[in-house]
Amino acid sequence: MNTMTDREWGLGHEDPQLFDPDELDADQWMTALSSAGMKGLILTAKHHDGFCLWPSKVTSHSVAASPWRHGQGDVVAEVSAAAARHGLAFGIYLSPWDRTETSYGSGTPYDDFFVAQLEELLTGYGPVFSVWFDGACGEGPNGKRQVYDWDRYHATIRRLQPGAVISVCGPDVRWCGNEAGHTRPNEWSVVPRVLQDAEGIAQHSQQADDPEFSRRVRSQDDDLGSRAALAGHEDDLVWYPAEVNTSNRPGWFYHQKEDDKLRSIDDLLDVYLGSVGGNSTFLLNVPPDRRGLVADPDLAALRELGRRINDLRSRVLDATISFSSGEVAVAGDAFLASAKRWGAEEPGDPNLGLANGTGWWQPSDSDPEPQLTLTLDSPQQIEAVILKEEITLGQRLEHVIIRGRRHGRDEILAETRCVGYQRILTFPSTTVDQVTVEIRASRGTPAIAAVGLVAKT
């Protein structure tokens, strides 16, 4: 609805007759998202204005009252079906703040209303991989604010879609702390349990239409998982991985006047490298236009982003690996630094470290300076190293130094205090014939699942 009214935050009670994206083509959306290598999508089924993109039985403020598809349409149904056809996971965003619903702010009556909408979305549209909540908690039409019953909302999701992760205002996926695409230099998945409640607390959530909120970075959150940050919480830790979300436009909804204000491809790639390459996932907002189509500028941006990611993956070099101690967990070619291992033959796959096997390397517990060495057949220019931990065993690496051998002498190429499921470490291109991964500190015996050297473009 905000796209139709040319707003970012609706006021509630918008006329449903304004909603008529007469060219809506969910398959076009899926094609666009797939071109960037995305693996799933999260549909904004209802934003703060309260207009529902499905014919909800508990409100008349929905597509059923619009002229679109002669009042018989269901955006959620069309998108979920298209996602299934294109092999994309389907998720739901449902705003807990509703500026139209009269029961908002009344306590249990509104919770009943909200849970009824959750039940509709989680039972009528097939598998849902993610339910995304934010903590926006402004005033409703009665001037009151609702105290959200998060426990009840979460229990409803667990009951109806037990495989779904609950994101941001939930216990499964953690918000990175800003909507600018900013990423921490070290993103830990193991954090104090108290962080699971942080975004559900009203004073930490977005209260009004504040354009600066989406670009604000809270510096106090920069360290969440170091030993210093965990001090005092050692007996109450959780696995709570981060998600980085941002928009490809200045705002979250489509405005024609912003067609020339999309984020640059270099900027989007930097966010990708900092998120997918920094132990986080990347949620990119792509708003369809008033026709119900992904606009041409957005299409071009998604295709180019996908091309850049595929190009990066295709440049992973073959190398011979040796270890200071220990052994690979399985035999054969399950642990190789090769273009094939990194999935270069699978267009659209954004997971650079997706292995063909299931192996990982662990050094001997008695090894004082564990390291693995990648040797090239001839000197090559490289500009990045990709590392993956075997996170089924936990996140363990605390300090890693990457050294490259140039003309017989070693030099430090990169250094990190955190790895996780994937770390892409970039540096000025240099010519080397050998690269060594030195493990300086680890929480227990480290386990490396994959390593790769990226040739200069």
Protein backbone atom coordinates (compact mmCIF):
# COMPACT_ATOMS: atom_id res chain seq x y z
CA MET A 1 0.00 0.00 0.00
CA ASN A 2 2.86 2.43 0.77
CA THR A 3 4.01 2.10 -2.84
CA MET A 4 0.54 3.17 -3.99
CA THR A 5 0.39 6.15 -1.62
CA ASP A 6 4.05 7.14 -2.23
CA ARG A 7 4.83 6.95 1.49
CA GLU A 8 7.35 5.05 3.57
CA TRP A 9 5.09 4.62 6.59
CA GLY A 10 1.35 4.55 6.03
CA LEU A 11 -1.02 6.27 8.42
CA GLY A 12 -3.63 3.52 8.52
CA HIS A 13 -7.14 3.47 7.06
CA GLU A 14 -5.87 3.96 3.49
CA ASP A 15 -8.54 3.39 0.88
CA PRO A 16 -8.19 -0.20 -0.42
CA GLN A 17 -9.29 1.08 -3.82
CA LEU A 18 -5.80 2.55 -4.20
CA PHE A 19 -4.30 -0.94 -4.42
CA ASP A 20 -4.34 -2.15 -8.02
CA PRO A 21 -0.98 -3.46 -9.32
CA ASP A 22 -2.59 -4.68 -12.52
CA GLU A 23 0.60 -6.19 -14.01
CA LEU A 24 1.72 -8.04 -10.90
CA ASP A 25 3.87 -10.99 -11.94
CA ALA A 26 5.35 -12.98 -9.07
CA ASP A 27 7.38 -15.12 -11.47
CA GLN A 28 9.12 -11.96 -12.70
CA TRP A 29 10.02 -11.21 -9.08
CA MET A 30 11.50 -14.68 -8.60
CA THR A 31 13.52 -14.45 -11.80
CA ALA A 32 14.92 -11.11 -10.67
CA LEU A 33 15.87 -12.41 -7.22
CA SER A 34 17.40 -15.58 -8.60
CA SER A 35 19.58 -13.55 -10.95
CA ALA A 36 21.32 -12.10 -7.89
CA GLY A 37 21.90 -15.56 -6.43
CA MET A 38 19.29 -15.25 -3.70
CA LYS A 39 18.02 -18.42 -2.07
CA GLY A 40 14.79 -17.17 -0.57
CA LEU A 41 12.57 -14.16 0.00
CA ILE A 42 10.57 -12.62 2.81
CA LEU A 43 7.32 -10.97 1.72
CA THR A 44 5.94 -7.97 3.62
CA ALA A 45 2.45 -9.37 4.06
CA LYS A 46 1.36 -6.43 6.23
CA HIS A 47 3.24 -3.23 7.13
CA HIS A 48 2.45 -0.78 9.90
CA ASP A 49 -0.52 0.74 8.02
CA GLY A 50 -2.37 -2.56 8.50
CA PHE A 51 -3.30 -3.30 4.87
CA CYS A 52 -3.11 -7.07 4.27
CA LEU A 53 -1.81 -8.54 1.01
CA TRP A 54 -4.00 -11.59 1.58
CA PRO A 55 -7.78 -11.79 2.15
CA SER A 56 -7.62 -11.97 5.93
CA LYS A 57 -10.79 -13.17 7.62
CA VAL A 58 -10.26 -10.93 10.66
CA THR A 59 -10.14 -7.55 8.91
CA SER A 60 -11.74 -5.91 5.90
CA HIS A 61 -8.60 -3.84 5.32
CA SER A 62 -7.12 -6.16 2.70
CA VAL A 63 -6.81 -7.02 -0.96
CA ALA A 64 -10.34 -8.41 -0.84
CA ALA A 65 -11.63 -4.83 -0.70
CA SER A 66 -9.43 -3.67 -3.58
CA PRO A 67 -10.06 -3.66 -7.35
CA TRP A 68 -6.98 -5.83 -7.94
CA ARG A 69 -7.99 -9.17 -9.44
CA HIS A 70 -11.61 -7.96 -8.97
CA GLY A 71 -11.26 -8.42 -5.22
CA GLN A 72 -10.37 -12.10 -5.64
CA GLY A 73 -6.59 -11.73 -5.50
CA ASP A 74 -4.08 -12.96 -2.94
CA VAL A 75 -0.52 -11.64 -3.20
CA VAL A 76 0.75 -14.05 -0.54
CA ALA A 77 -0.64 -17.03 -2.48
CA GLU A 78 0.84 -15.87 -5.80
CA VAL A 79 4.26 -15.16 -4.31
CA SER A 80 4.49 -18.37 -2.28
CA ALA A 81 3.51 -20.44 -5.34
CA ALA A 82 6.02 -18.64 -7.56
CA ALA A 83 8.77 -19.11 -4.97
CA ALA A 84 8.09 -22.85 -4.96
CA ARG A 85 8.23 -22.97 -8.77
CA HIS A 86 11.60 -21.21 -8.79
CA GLY A 87 13.12 -23.19 -5.92
CA LEU A 88 13.23 -20.24 -3.52
CA ALA A 89 12.40 -20.47 0.18
CA PHE A 90 9.37 -18.42 1.22
CA GLY A 91 9.15 -16.27 4.34
CA ILE A 92 6.77 -13.77 5.90
CA TYR A 93 7.14 -10.33 7.45
CA LEU A 94 4.14 -9.33 9.54
CA SER A 95 4.15 -6.00 11.33
CA PRO A 96 2.98 -6.25 14.95
CA TRP A 97 2.09 -2.55 14.84
CA ASP A 98 -1.23 -1.97 13.09
CA ARG A 99 -2.38 1.62 12.58
CA THR A 100 -5.82 0.56 11.30
CA GLU A 101 -6.93 -2.18 13.69
CA THR A 102 -9.07 -0.69 16.47
CA SER A 103 -8.06 -3.31 19.04
CA TYR A 104 -4.39 -2.30 18.83
CA GLY A 105 -3.23 -1.16 22.28
CA SER A 106 -5.95 -3.11 24.10
CA GLY A 107 -3.78 -6.02 25.25
CA THR A 108 -5.25 -9.52 24.84
CA PRO A 109 -7.91 -8.59 22.24
CA TYR A 110 -5.22 -7.33 19.89
CA ASP A 111 -3.00 -10.32 20.62
CA ASP A 112 -5.94 -12.53 19.61
CA PHE A 113 -6.27 -10.56 16.37
CA PHE A 114 -2.55 -10.74 15.60
CA VAL A 115 -2.31 -14.46 16.36
CA ALA A 116 -5.31 -15.09 14.09
CA GLN A 117 -3.42 -13.37 11.25
CA LEU A 118 -0.33 -15.43 12.00
CA GLU A 119 -2.41 -18.58 11.88
CA GLU A 120 -3.83 -17.62 8.48
CA LEU A 121 -0.37 -16.99 7.04
CA LEU A 122 1.24 -20.08 8.55
CA THR A 123 -1.43 -22.58 7.55
CA GLY A 124 -2.54 -21.51 4.09
CA TYR A 125 0.61 -21.01 2.05
CA GLY A 126 2.88 -24.02 2.36
CA PRO A 127 6.27 -24.20 4.10
CA VAL A 128 7.53 -20.94 5.61
CA PHE A 129 11.26 -20.75 6.29
CA SER A 130 11.28 -17.45 8.21
CA VAL A 131 8.90 -15.22 10.13
CA TRP A 132 10.38 -11.74 10.40
CA PHE A 133 9.25 -9.37 13.17
CA ASP A 134 10.48 -5.89 13.92
CA GLY A 135 9.80 -4.11 17.19
CA ALA A 136 8.02 -1.04 15.79
CA CYS A 137 5.56 -0.03 18.50
CA GLY A 138 3.95 3.30 17.80
CA GLU A 139 0.51 4.50 18.76
CA GLY A 140 -2.62 2.98 17.30
CA PRO A 141 -5.83 4.74 16.23
CA ASN A 142 -6.88 4.88 19.90
CA GLY A 143 -3.67 6.66 20.93
CA LYS A 144 -2.42 3.60 22.81
CA ARG A 145 0.60 1.35 22.33
CA GLN A 146 0.42 -2.42 22.43
CA VAL A 147 2.57 -4.51 24.75
CA TYR A 148 3.34 -7.40 22.42
CA ASP A 149 2.95 -10.94 23.73
CA TRP A 150 6.08 -12.23 22.03
CA ASP A 151 5.97 -15.57 23.85
CA ARG A 152 2.52 -16.28 22.46
CA TYR A 153 3.50 -15.18 18.94
CA HIS A 154 6.61 -17.37 19.00
CA ALA A 155 4.68 -20.37 20.34
CA THR A 156 2.18 -20.02 17.49
CA ILE A 157 4.99 -20.17 14.95
CA ARG A 158 6.63 -23.15 16.63
CA ARG A 159 3.30 -24.97 16.60
CA LEU A 160 2.33 -24.27 13.00
CA GLN A 161 5.71 -23.98 11.22
CA PRO A 162 8.28 -25.70 13.46
CA GLY A 163 10.94 -25.44 10.75
CA ALA A 164 10.68 -21.65 10.49
CA VAL A 165 13.28 -19.39 12.06
CA ILE A 166 11.97 -16.37 13.95
CA SER A 167 14.02 -13.35 13.02
CA VAL A 168 14.95 -10.10 14.79
CA CYS A 169 12.23 -9.96 17.50
CA GLY A 170 12.73 -13.66 17.97
CA PRO A 171 15.11 -16.27 19.36
CA ASP A 172 16.64 -17.66 16.17
CA VAL A 173 18.16 -14.94 13.96
CA ARG A 174 19.64 -11.72 15.33
CA TRP A 175 19.38 -8.29 13.74
CA CYS A 176 22.78 -6.78 12.97
CA GLY A 177 21.73 -3.55 14.72
CA ASN A 178 21.22 -1.18 11.80
CA GLU A 179 19.52 -0.97 8.41
CA ALA A 180 22.43 0.63 6.59
CA GLY A 181 24.22 -2.59 5.64
CA HIS A 182 26.94 -1.89 8.20
CA THR A 183 28.70 -5.04 9.35
CA ARG A 184 30.90 -5.66 12.36
CA PRO A 185 34.55 -6.51 11.83
CA ASN A 186 33.99 -9.61 13.96
CA GLU A 187 30.52 -11.18 14.01
CA TRP A 188 30.05 -13.97 16.52
CA SER A 189 27.13 -16.37 16.46
CA VAL A 190 27.64 -17.23 20.13
CA VAL A 191 26.37 -14.33 22.24
CA PRO A 192 24.78 -13.68 25.66
CA ARG A 193 21.21 -14.93 25.91
CA VAL A 194 19.97 -11.49 26.98
CA LEU A 195 20.38 -10.33 23.37
CA GLN A 196 17.41 -12.47 22.37
CA ASP A 197 15.15 -10.01 24.17
CA ALA A 198 16.89 -6.80 23.10
CA GLU A 199 14.82 -5.89 20.04
CA GLY A 200 11.52 -6.79 21.67
CA ILE A 201 11.98 -4.07 24.27
CA ALA A 202 10.05 -1.01 23.18
CA GLN A 203 12.71 1.58 23.93
CA HIS A 204 15.13 -0.22 21.59
CA SER A 205 12.70 -0.35 18.67
CA GLN A 206 11.68 2.14 16.06
CA GLN A 207 8.88 4.35 17.37
CA ALA A 208 8.16 6.73 14.50
CA ASP A 209 8.90 7.42 10.86
CA ASP A 210 12.49 8.51 11.42
CA PRO A 211 14.48 8.53 8.15
CA GLU A 212 17.75 8.53 10.06
CA PHE A 213 16.91 5.27 11.89
CA SER A 214 17.60 3.18 8.79
CA ARG A 215 21.15 4.58 8.55
CA ARG A 216 21.97 4.65 12.25
CA VAL A 217 24.73 2.43 13.65
CA ARG A 218 24.79 1.79 17.38
CA SER A 219 28.43 1.78 18.33
CA GLN A 220 27.78 0.14 21.71
CA ASP A 221 26.79 -3.05 19.87
CA ASP A 222 30.01 -3.40 17.91
CA ASP A 223 31.39 -6.17 20.11
CA LEU A 224 28.91 -8.89 21.01
CA GLY A 225 30.92 -12.09 21.12
CA SER A 226 34.53 -11.56 22.15
CA ARG A 227 35.73 -12.98 25.45
CA ALA A 228 35.45 -9.51 26.95
CA ALA A 229 31.85 -9.18 25.74
CA LEU A 230 30.96 -12.61 27.12
CA ALA A 231 32.49 -11.94 30.56
CA GLY A 232 29.84 -12.54 33.17
CA HIS A 233 27.61 -14.43 30.74
CA GLU A 234 29.69 -17.58 30.28
CA ASP A 235 26.98 -19.82 31.76
CA ASP A 236 24.15 -18.36 29.69
CA LEU A 237 25.13 -18.25 26.02
CA VAL A 238 23.10 -18.98 22.90
CA TRP A 239 23.69 -19.65 19.22
CA TYR A 240 22.13 -16.52 17.71
CA PRO A 241 23.55 -15.78 14.25
CA ALA A 242 23.23 -12.35 12.66
CA GLU A 243 21.37 -11.10 9.62
CA VAL A 244 22.28 -7.92 7.76
CA ASN A 245 19.35 -6.14 6.16
CA THR A 246 19.31 -3.06 3.97
CA SER A 247 17.49 -1.71 0.91
CA ASN A 248 18.70 -1.25 -2.63
CA ARG A 249 16.93 2.13 -2.56
CA PRO A 250 16.91 5.05 -0.10
CA GLY A 251 13.71 3.70 1.46
CA TRP A 252 11.82 0.41 1.69
CA PHE A 253 9.01 1.03 -0.79
CA TYR A 254 9.02 1.96 -4.45
CA HIS A 255 9.05 5.65 -5.40
CA GLN A 256 9.57 6.53 -9.05
CA LYS A 257 11.56 9.64 -8.14
CA GLU A 258 14.22 7.32 -6.68
CA ASP A 259 14.82 5.31 -9.86
CA ASP A 260 18.20 7.04 -10.23
CA LYS A 261 19.11 6.72 -6.54
CA LEU A 262 19.75 2.99 -6.21
CA ARG A 263 22.77 1.83 -4.26
CA SER A 264 25.81 1.31 -6.42
CA ILE A 265 26.85 -2.24 -7.31
CA ASP A 266 30.18 -1.65 -5.57
CA ASP A 267 28.28 -0.73 -2.40
CA LEU A 268 26.02 -3.79 -2.62
CA LEU A 269 29.01 -6.05 -3.20
CA ASP A 270 30.72 -4.55 -0.16
CA VAL A 271 27.63 -5.36 1.92
CA TYR A 272 27.66 -8.90 0.50
CA LEU A 273 31.33 -9.36 1.38
CA GLY A 274 30.77 -8.01 4.87
CA SER A 275 27.67 -10.10 5.54
CA VAL A 276 27.79 -13.37 3.59
CA GLY A 277 31.57 -12.99 3.80
CA GLY A 278 31.41 -12.06 7.48
CA ASN A 279 29.45 -14.86 9.18
CA SER A 280 26.04 -13.26 8.57
CA THR A 281 23.19 -13.63 6.13
CA PHE A 282 22.17 -10.82 3.77
CA LEU A 283 18.55 -9.67 3.38
CA LEU A 284 18.25 -7.13 0.55
CA ASN A 285 15.02 -5.19 0.18
CA VAL A 286 13.74 -5.02 -3.42
CA PRO A 287 10.39 -3.15 -3.71
CA PRO A 288 8.14 -3.84 -6.72
CA ASP A 289 6.68 -0.78 -8.43
CA ARG A 290 3.04 0.31 -8.78
CA ARG A 291 2.54 -2.05 -11.72
CA GLY A 292 3.48 -5.00 -9.52
CA LEU A 293 6.80 -5.56 -11.29
CA VAL A 294 10.45 -5.23 -10.29
CA ALA A 295 11.44 -2.02 -12.07
CA ASP A 296 14.12 -1.96 -14.75
CA PRO A 297 16.80 -0.21 -12.63
CA ASP A 298 16.36 -2.80 -9.88
CA LEU A 299 16.46 -5.65 -12.39
CA ALA A 300 19.74 -4.40 -13.80
CA ALA A 301 21.23 -4.00 -10.33
CA LEU A 302 20.27 -7.53 -9.25
CA ARG A 303 21.69 -9.06 -12.42
CA GLU A 304 24.97 -7.22 -12.06
CA LEU A 305 25.27 -8.14 -8.39
CA GLY A 306 24.75 -11.79 -9.31
CA ARG A 307 27.31 -11.54 -12.09
CA ARG A 308 29.89 -10.08 -9.70
CA ILE A 309 29.29 -12.79 -7.11
CA ASN A 310 29.51 -15.56 -9.71
CA ASP A 311 32.68 -14.01 -11.08
CA LEU A 312 34.26 -13.98 -7.63
CA ARG A 313 33.39 -17.63 -7.11
CA SER A 314 34.74 -18.63 -10.51
CA ARG A 315 38.17 -17.24 -9.65
CA VAL A 316 38.94 -19.66 -6.79
CA LEU A 317 42.24 -21.34 -7.66
CA ASP A 318 43.31 -24.96 -7.53
CA ALA A 319 45.91 -25.51 -4.83
CA THR A 320 47.62 -28.32 -2.95
CA ILE A 321 46.94 -28.30 0.79
CA SER A 322 49.25 -29.50 3.56
CA PHE A 323 48.72 -29.47 7.31
CA SER A 324 50.96 -28.91 10.31
CA SER A 325 49.22 -31.77 12.14
CA GLY A 326 45.96 -33.64 12.41
CA GLU A 327 43.87 -35.03 9.61
CA VAL A 328 40.82 -34.46 7.46
CA ALA A 329 37.67 -35.92 8.97
CA VAL A 330 36.75 -37.86 5.81
CA ALA A 331 38.86 -39.29 3.05
CA GLY A 332 38.96 -38.42 -0.62
CA ASP A 333 38.35 -34.99 -2.12
CA ALA A 334 36.01 -33.63 0.55
CA PHE A 335 38.58 -31.01 1.55
CA LEU A 336 40.01 -29.29 -1.49
CA ALA A 337 40.71 -25.69 -2.41
CA SER A 338 39.45 -25.85 -5.96
CA ALA A 339 37.00 -24.04 -8.22
CA LYS A 340 34.85 -27.16 -8.31
CA ARG A 341 34.65 -27.39 -4.55
CA TRP A 342 33.50 -23.78 -4.33
CA GLY A 343 30.56 -24.47 -6.61
CA ALA A 344 31.63 -22.44 -9.64
CA GLU A 345 29.60 -24.72 -11.87
CA GLU A 346 26.38 -23.80 -10.06
CA PRO A 347 25.20 -20.38 -11.32
CA GLY A 348 23.19 -18.39 -8.81
CA ASP A 349 24.56 -20.15 -5.73
CA PRO A 350 25.70 -17.41 -3.31
CA ASN A 351 27.27 -19.80 -0.82
CA LEU A 352 30.92 -19.57 -1.80
CA GLY A 353 31.91 -22.25 0.65
CA LEU A 354 29.31 -24.84 -0.32
CA ALA A 355 31.38 -28.00 -0.34
CA ASN A 356 30.88 -31.08 -2.47
CA GLY A 357 31.90 -33.20 0.50
CA THR A 358 31.41 -33.12 4.24
CA GLY A 359 34.98 -33.07 5.47
CA TRP A 360 36.86 -30.73 7.75
CA TRP A 361 40.37 -30.46 9.11
CA GLN A 362 41.28 -30.43 12.78
CA PRO A 363 44.85 -30.13 14.01
CA SER A 364 46.26 -32.20 16.81
CA ASP A 365 45.39 -30.91 20.29
CA SER A 366 49.12 -30.84 21.00
CA ASP A 367 49.95 -28.66 17.98
CA PRO A 368 51.19 -25.34 19.46
CA GLU A 369 50.83 -23.39 16.19
CA PRO A 370 48.28 -25.07 13.90
CA GLN A 371 48.45 -24.05 10.28
CA LEU A 372 47.51 -25.22 6.83
CA THR A 373 49.38 -24.28 3.69
CA LEU A 374 48.07 -23.87 0.15
CA THR A 375 50.68 -24.24 -2.56
CA LEU A 376 50.08 -23.10 -6.15
CA ASP A 377 51.64 -24.70 -9.21
CA SER A 378 52.98 -21.29 -10.24
CA PRO A 379 52.90 -17.74 -8.83
CA GLN A 380 49.46 -16.17 -9.09
CA GLN A 381 47.96 -12.79 -8.30
CA ILE A 382 45.35 -13.18 -5.55
CA GLU A 383 43.09 -10.65 -3.80
CA ALA A 384 41.09 -12.67 -1.27
CA VAL A 385 41.09 -15.75 0.93
CA ILE A 386 37.89 -17.57 1.87
CA LEU A 387 37.63 -19.57 5.08
CA LYS A 388 34.83 -21.69 6.51
CA GLU A 389 34.57 -23.30 9.91
CA GLU A 390 32.70 -26.54 10.50
CA ILE A 391 29.99 -24.83 12.52
CA THR A 392 28.22 -28.06 13.46
CA LEU A 393 31.06 -28.22 15.98
CA GLY A 394 30.61 -24.58 17.01
CA GLN A 395 32.32 -21.30 16.21
CA ARG A 396 35.85 -21.53 17.53
CA LEU A 397 38.46 -19.51 15.64
CA GLU A 398 39.47 -16.36 17.53
CA HIS A 399 42.62 -15.21 15.75
CA VAL A 400 43.81 -16.15 12.28
CA ILE A 401 46.69 -14.69 10.27
CA ILE A 402 46.96 -15.19 6.51
CA ARG A 403 50.51 -15.10 5.13
CA GLY A 404 51.55 -15.14 1.50
CA ARG A 405 54.97 -16.17 0.14
CA ARG A 406 56.29 -13.65 -2.33
CA HIS A 407 59.77 -14.09 -3.86
CA GLY A 408 60.64 -16.52 -1.09
CA ARG A 409 59.58 -14.18 1.73
CA ASP A 410 56.39 -14.30 3.78
CA GLU A 411 54.20 -11.25 4.31
CA ILE A 412 50.93 -10.81 6.17
CA LEU A 413 48.01 -10.52 3.74
CA ALA A 414 45.10 -10.45 6.20
CA GLU A 415 44.19 -10.99 9.83
CA THR A 416 40.89 -11.69 11.55
CA ARG A 417 39.55 -12.32 15.03
CA CYS A 418 36.49 -14.21 13.84
CA VAL A 419 35.55 -16.65 11.05
CA GLY A 420 32.30 -18.59 11.49
CA TYR A 421 30.40 -20.28 8.66
CA GLN A 422 32.23 -18.14 6.10
CA ARG A 423 34.79 -15.35 6.05
CA ILE A 424 35.94 -13.60 2.88
CA LEU A 425 39.14 -11.71 3.62
CA THR A 426 40.11 -9.21 0.94
CA PHE A 427 43.39 -7.36 0.50
CA PRO A 428 45.36 -5.49 -2.20
CA SER A 429 46.24 -7.96 -4.95
CA THR A 430 49.62 -9.57 -4.61
CA THR A 431 51.55 -12.31 -6.42
CA VAL A 432 52.23 -15.41 -4.32
CA ASP A 433 53.07 -19.05 -4.83
CA GLN A 434 52.05 -20.18 -1.36
CA VAL A 435 49.59 -19.06 1.33
CA THR A 436 49.59 -20.14 4.96
CA VAL A 437 46.63 -19.97 7.34
CA GLU A 438 47.99 -19.60 10.87
CA ILE A 439 45.66 -20.27 13.78
CA ARG A 440 46.80 -18.15 16.72
CA ALA A 441 43.83 -18.59 19.06
CA SER A 442 40.79 -20.83 19.21
CA ARG A 443 38.02 -21.79 21.62
CA GLY A 444 38.84 -25.47 21.68
CA THR A 445 40.24 -27.48 18.79
CA PRO A 446 39.55 -25.57 15.56
CA ALA A 447 37.73 -27.21 12.67
CA ILE A 448 38.14 -25.75 9.17
CA ALA A 449 35.67 -26.94 6.56
CA ALA A 450 36.96 -25.09 3.49
CA VAL A 451 39.63 -22.72 2.30
CA GLY A 452 40.15 -21.04 -1.05
CA LEU A 453 42.36 -18.47 -2.77
CA VAL A 454 40.67 -15.95 -5.08
CA ALA A 455 42.61 -14.83 -8.13
CA LYS A 456 42.74 -11.15 -9.04
CA THR A 457 39.98 -10.12 -11.43
